[in-house]
Amino acid sequence: MQLTATDSTGATLTWTIDAPDVHSFVGFVSDGHLTSLTVWKDDIPDSFVTVNDLHLSVAAVPEPATYGMLLGGLGLLGLAARRRKGR
């Protein structure tokens, strides 16, 4: 069984597990973002591949309507403050 991981810095690590069993474990920690993960399994009888705790994240980008609601709310707060000051 062969595992290859590549991150956004270009670092690539490859692991080969000759006789995988229930205690086989491979970890990959990087400061960059994981760009690819390849798991290749030969015809090894009674074996299967699992991936646990694979964390992928995407930065949230607000929609334009969110900015519009923010500006509208700030405008209403400004209008309310102006009316109170005028009294």
N, C-alpha and C. Protein backbone atom coordinates (compact mmCIF):
# COMPACT_ATOMS: atom_id res chain seq x y z
N MET A 1 0.86 -1.15 0.00
CA MET A 1 0.00 0.00 0.00
C MET A 1 0.91 1.22 0.00
N GLN A 2 0.59 2.21 -0.80
CA GLN A 2 1.41 3.41 -0.90
C GLN A 2 0.55 4.65 -0.71
N LEU A 3 1.03 5.58 0.12
CA LEU A 3 0.34 6.84 0.36
C LEU A 3 1.27 7.98 -0.02
N THR A 4 0.73 8.97 -0.73
CA THR A 4 1.51 10.14 -1.12
C THR A 4 0.71 11.39 -0.77
N ALA A 5 1.34 12.32 -0.05
CA ALA A 5 0.69 13.57 0.34
C ALA A 5 1.55 14.74 -0.15
N THR A 6 0.90 15.75 -0.72
CA THR A 6 1.58 16.96 -1.20
C THR A 6 0.88 18.17 -0.61
N ASP A 7 1.66 19.15 -0.14
CA ASP A 7 1.06 20.37 0.41
C ASP A 7 1.35 21.55 -0.51
N SER A 8 0.80 22.72 -0.16
CA SER A 8 0.89 23.91 -1.02
C SER A 8 2.31 24.45 -1.14
N THR A 9 3.21 24.05 -0.24
CA THR A 9 4.60 24.50 -0.34
C THR A 9 5.39 23.64 -1.32
N GLY A 10 4.75 22.55 -1.82
CA GLY A 10 5.41 21.66 -2.76
C GLY A 10 6.05 20.45 -2.09
N ALA A 11 6.00 20.39 -0.76
CA ALA A 11 6.56 19.25 -0.05
C ALA A 11 5.71 18.01 -0.33
N THR A 12 6.37 16.94 -0.74
CA THR A 12 5.69 15.68 -1.03
C THR A 12 6.33 14.58 -0.21
N LEU A 13 5.50 13.82 0.48
CA LEU A 13 5.97 12.68 1.25
C LEU A 13 5.26 11.43 0.76
N THR A 14 6.01 10.35 0.64
CA THR A 14 5.44 9.08 0.20
C THR A 14 5.78 8.01 1.23
N TRP A 15 4.78 7.24 1.62
CA TRP A 15 4.95 6.14 2.56
C TRP A 15 4.55 4.85 1.88
N THR A 16 5.28 3.80 2.17
CA THR A 16 4.93 2.48 1.67
C THR A 16 4.76 1.57 2.88
N ILE A 17 3.61 0.93 2.97
CA ILE A 17 3.34 -0.03 4.04
C ILE A 17 3.29 -1.40 3.37
N ASP A 18 4.28 -2.23 3.70
CA ASP A 18 4.40 -3.53 3.02
C ASP A 18 3.34 -4.53 3.46
N ALA A 19 3.06 -4.59 4.75
CA ALA A 19 2.09 -5.56 5.26
C ALA A 19 1.11 -4.83 6.18
N PRO A 20 0.13 -4.10 5.62
CA PRO A 20 -0.78 -3.33 6.47
C PRO A 20 -1.63 -4.22 7.36
N ASP A 21 -1.81 -3.77 8.60
CA ASP A 21 -2.70 -4.48 9.52
C ASP A 21 -3.50 -3.44 10.30
N VAL A 22 -4.21 -3.86 11.31
CA VAL A 22 -5.08 -2.95 12.05
C VAL A 22 -4.30 -1.90 12.83
N HIS A 23 -3.00 -2.09 13.00
CA HIS A 23 -2.19 -1.13 13.75
C HIS A 23 -1.39 -0.20 12.83
N SER A 24 -1.57 -0.31 11.53
CA SER A 24 -0.85 0.56 10.60
C SER A 24 -1.40 1.98 10.70
N PHE A 25 -0.49 2.95 10.81
CA PHE A 25 -0.89 4.35 10.93
C PHE A 25 0.14 5.22 10.23
N VAL A 26 -0.33 6.23 9.52
CA VAL A 26 0.56 7.20 8.88
C VAL A 26 -0.02 8.57 9.16
N GLY A 27 0.83 9.51 9.60
CA GLY A 27 0.39 10.88 9.85
C GLY A 27 1.18 11.86 9.00
N PHE A 28 0.55 12.97 8.63
CA PHE A 28 1.20 14.00 7.82
C PHE A 28 0.79 15.34 8.39
N VAL A 29 1.75 16.12 8.87
CA VAL A 29 1.50 17.44 9.44
C VAL A 29 2.29 18.45 8.63
N SER A 30 1.64 19.55 8.27
CA SER A 30 2.29 20.55 7.43
C SER A 30 1.80 21.95 7.79
N ASP A 31 2.63 22.95 7.55
CA ASP A 31 2.22 24.35 7.71
C ASP A 31 1.44 24.83 6.49
N GLY A 32 1.59 24.15 5.37
CA GLY A 32 0.88 24.51 4.15
C GLY A 32 -0.43 23.76 4.04
N HIS A 33 -1.22 24.10 3.04
CA HIS A 33 -2.49 23.43 2.78
C HIS A 33 -2.23 22.13 2.03
N LEU A 34 -2.99 21.11 2.36
CA LEU A 34 -2.88 19.83 1.67
C LEU A 34 -3.51 19.98 0.28
N THR A 35 -2.73 19.73 -0.76
CA THR A 35 -3.25 19.89 -2.12
C THR A 35 -3.61 18.56 -2.77
N SER A 36 -2.94 17.48 -2.34
CA SER A 36 -3.32 16.18 -2.89
C SER A 36 -2.97 15.08 -1.90
N LEU A 37 -3.80 14.05 -1.95
CA LEU A 37 -3.58 12.84 -1.14
C LEU A 37 -3.94 11.66 -2.02
N THR A 38 -2.97 10.79 -2.23
CA THR A 38 -3.19 9.61 -3.06
C THR A 38 -2.97 8.37 -2.22
N VAL A 39 -3.93 7.47 -2.27
CA VAL A 39 -3.81 6.19 -1.58
C VAL A 39 -3.91 5.11 -2.65
N TRP A 40 -2.87 4.32 -2.77
CA TRP A 40 -2.83 3.27 -3.77
C TRP A 40 -2.65 1.94 -3.07
N LYS A 41 -3.52 1.00 -3.39
CA LYS A 41 -3.52 -0.31 -2.75
C LYS A 41 -3.36 -1.38 -3.81
N ASP A 42 -2.36 -2.22 -3.62
CA ASP A 42 -2.21 -3.39 -4.49
C ASP A 42 -3.32 -4.38 -4.19
N ASP A 43 -3.29 -5.50 -4.83
CA ASP A 43 -4.26 -6.56 -4.54
C ASP A 43 -3.87 -7.28 -3.26
N ILE A 44 -4.06 -6.60 -2.12
CA ILE A 44 -3.75 -7.19 -0.83
C ILE A 44 -5.04 -7.79 -0.29
N PRO A 45 -5.09 -9.08 -0.09
CA PRO A 45 -6.33 -9.69 0.38
C PRO A 45 -6.68 -9.25 1.79
N ASP A 46 -7.97 -9.15 2.05
CA ASP A 46 -8.50 -8.80 3.38
C ASP A 46 -7.97 -7.46 3.88
N SER A 47 -7.81 -6.48 3.01
CA SER A 47 -7.39 -5.15 3.46
C SER A 47 -8.29 -4.10 2.82
N PHE A 48 -8.42 -2.98 3.49
CA PHE A 48 -9.20 -1.86 2.96
C PHE A 48 -8.54 -0.56 3.38
N VAL A 49 -8.87 0.50 2.70
CA VAL A 49 -8.27 1.80 2.95
C VAL A 49 -9.28 2.70 3.63
N THR A 50 -8.88 3.35 4.72
CA THR A 50 -9.73 4.35 5.37
C THR A 50 -8.89 5.59 5.63
N VAL A 51 -9.56 6.73 5.68
CA VAL A 51 -8.92 8.00 6.02
C VAL A 51 -9.72 8.60 7.17
N ASN A 52 -9.06 8.84 8.29
CA ASN A 52 -9.71 9.44 9.46
C ASN A 52 -9.12 10.82 9.73
N ASP A 53 -9.94 11.73 10.21
CA ASP A 53 -9.50 13.06 10.63
C ASP A 53 -8.82 13.84 9.52
N LEU A 54 -9.36 13.76 8.32
CA LEU A 54 -8.86 14.56 7.22
C LEU A 54 -9.58 15.90 7.28
N HIS A 55 -8.86 16.96 7.56
CA HIS A 55 -9.47 18.28 7.72
C HIS A 55 -9.19 19.14 6.49
N LEU A 56 -10.22 19.53 5.82
CA LEU A 56 -10.12 20.45 4.69
C LEU A 56 -10.97 21.66 5.02
N SER A 57 -10.44 22.84 4.79
CA SER A 57 -11.21 24.04 5.11
C SER A 57 -11.18 25.01 3.93
N VAL A 58 -12.23 25.79 3.84
CA VAL A 58 -12.35 26.80 2.80
C VAL A 58 -12.68 28.11 3.49
N ALA A 59 -12.01 29.17 3.12
CA ALA A 59 -12.27 30.48 3.71
C ALA A 59 -13.65 30.97 3.27
N ALA A 60 -14.42 31.45 4.22
CA ALA A 60 -15.77 31.94 3.92
C ALA A 60 -15.69 33.32 3.26
N VAL A 61 -16.42 33.50 2.19
CA VAL A 61 -16.48 34.78 1.50
C VAL A 61 -17.91 35.27 1.57
N PRO A 62 -18.14 36.44 2.23
CA PRO A 62 -19.51 36.92 2.33
C PRO A 62 -20.11 37.29 0.98
N GLU A 63 -21.40 37.11 0.87
CA GLU A 63 -22.10 37.47 -0.36
C GLU A 63 -22.31 38.99 -0.38
N PRO A 64 -22.49 39.58 -1.56
CA PRO A 64 -22.70 41.03 -1.64
C PRO A 64 -23.92 41.50 -0.84
N ALA A 65 -24.94 40.67 -0.74
CA ALA A 65 -26.14 41.05 0.03
C ALA A 65 -25.80 41.25 1.50
N THR A 66 -24.80 40.54 2.00
CA THR A 66 -24.39 40.71 3.39
C THR A 66 -23.86 42.11 3.62
N TYR A 67 -23.04 42.60 2.70
CA TYR A 67 -22.52 43.96 2.81
C TYR A 67 -23.64 44.99 2.70
N GLY A 68 -24.60 44.72 1.83
CA GLY A 68 -25.73 45.63 1.68
C GLY A 68 -26.54 45.71 2.97
N MET A 69 -26.78 44.57 3.61
CA MET A 69 -27.52 44.57 4.87
C MET A 69 -26.74 45.30 5.96
N LEU A 70 -25.42 45.13 5.99
CA LEU A 70 -24.59 45.82 6.97
C LEU A 70 -24.67 47.33 6.77
N LEU A 71 -24.54 47.80 5.54
CA LEU A 71 -24.61 49.24 5.27
C LEU A 71 -26.00 49.79 5.57
N GLY A 72 -27.04 49.03 5.23
CA GLY A 72 -28.40 49.46 5.54
C GLY A 72 -28.62 49.58 7.04
N GLY A 73 -28.15 48.61 7.80
CA GLY A 73 -28.28 48.64 9.26
C GLY A 73 -27.52 49.80 9.87
N LEU A 74 -26.32 50.05 9.38
CA LEU A 74 -25.55 51.19 9.89
C LEU A 74 -26.23 52.51 9.54
N GLY A 75 -26.83 52.57 8.37
CA GLY A 75 -27.57 53.79 7.98
C GLY A 75 -28.77 54.02 8.90
N LEU A 76 -29.50 52.95 9.22
CA LEU A 76 -30.64 53.09 10.13
C LEU A 76 -30.20 53.51 11.53
N LEU A 77 -29.08 52.97 12.00
CA LEU A 77 -28.55 53.38 13.31
C LEU A 77 -28.15 54.85 13.28
N GLY A 78 -27.52 55.28 12.20
CA GLY A 78 -27.15 56.69 12.08
C GLY A 78 -28.37 57.59 12.04
N LEU A 79 -29.42 57.18 11.33
CA LEU A 79 -30.66 57.95 11.25
C LEU A 79 -31.32 58.04 12.63
N ALA A 80 -31.36 56.94 13.36
CA ALA A 80 -31.96 56.95 14.70
C ALA A 80 -31.17 57.85 15.65
N ALA A 81 -29.85 57.81 15.57
CA ALA A 81 -29.02 58.66 16.42
C ALA A 81 -29.23 60.13 16.07
N ARG A 82 -29.39 60.44 14.81
CA ARG A 82 -29.59 61.83 14.39
C ARG A 82 -30.95 62.36 14.87
N ARG A 83 -32.00 61.50 14.79
CA ARG A 83 -33.32 61.92 15.24
C ARG A 83 -33.32 62.16 16.75
N ARG A 84 -32.62 61.32 17.52
CA ARG A 84 -32.57 61.51 18.97
C ARG A 84 -31.83 62.78 19.34
N LYS A 85 -30.78 63.08 18.61
CA LYS A 85 -29.99 64.27 18.90
C LYS A 85 -30.79 65.53 18.56
N GLY A 86 -31.65 65.46 17.57
CA GLY A 86 -32.45 66.61 17.14
C GLY A 86 -33.54 66.97 18.14
N ARG A 87 -33.96 66.06 18.99
CA ARG A 87 -35.04 66.34 19.94
C ARG A 87 -34.60 67.19 21.03
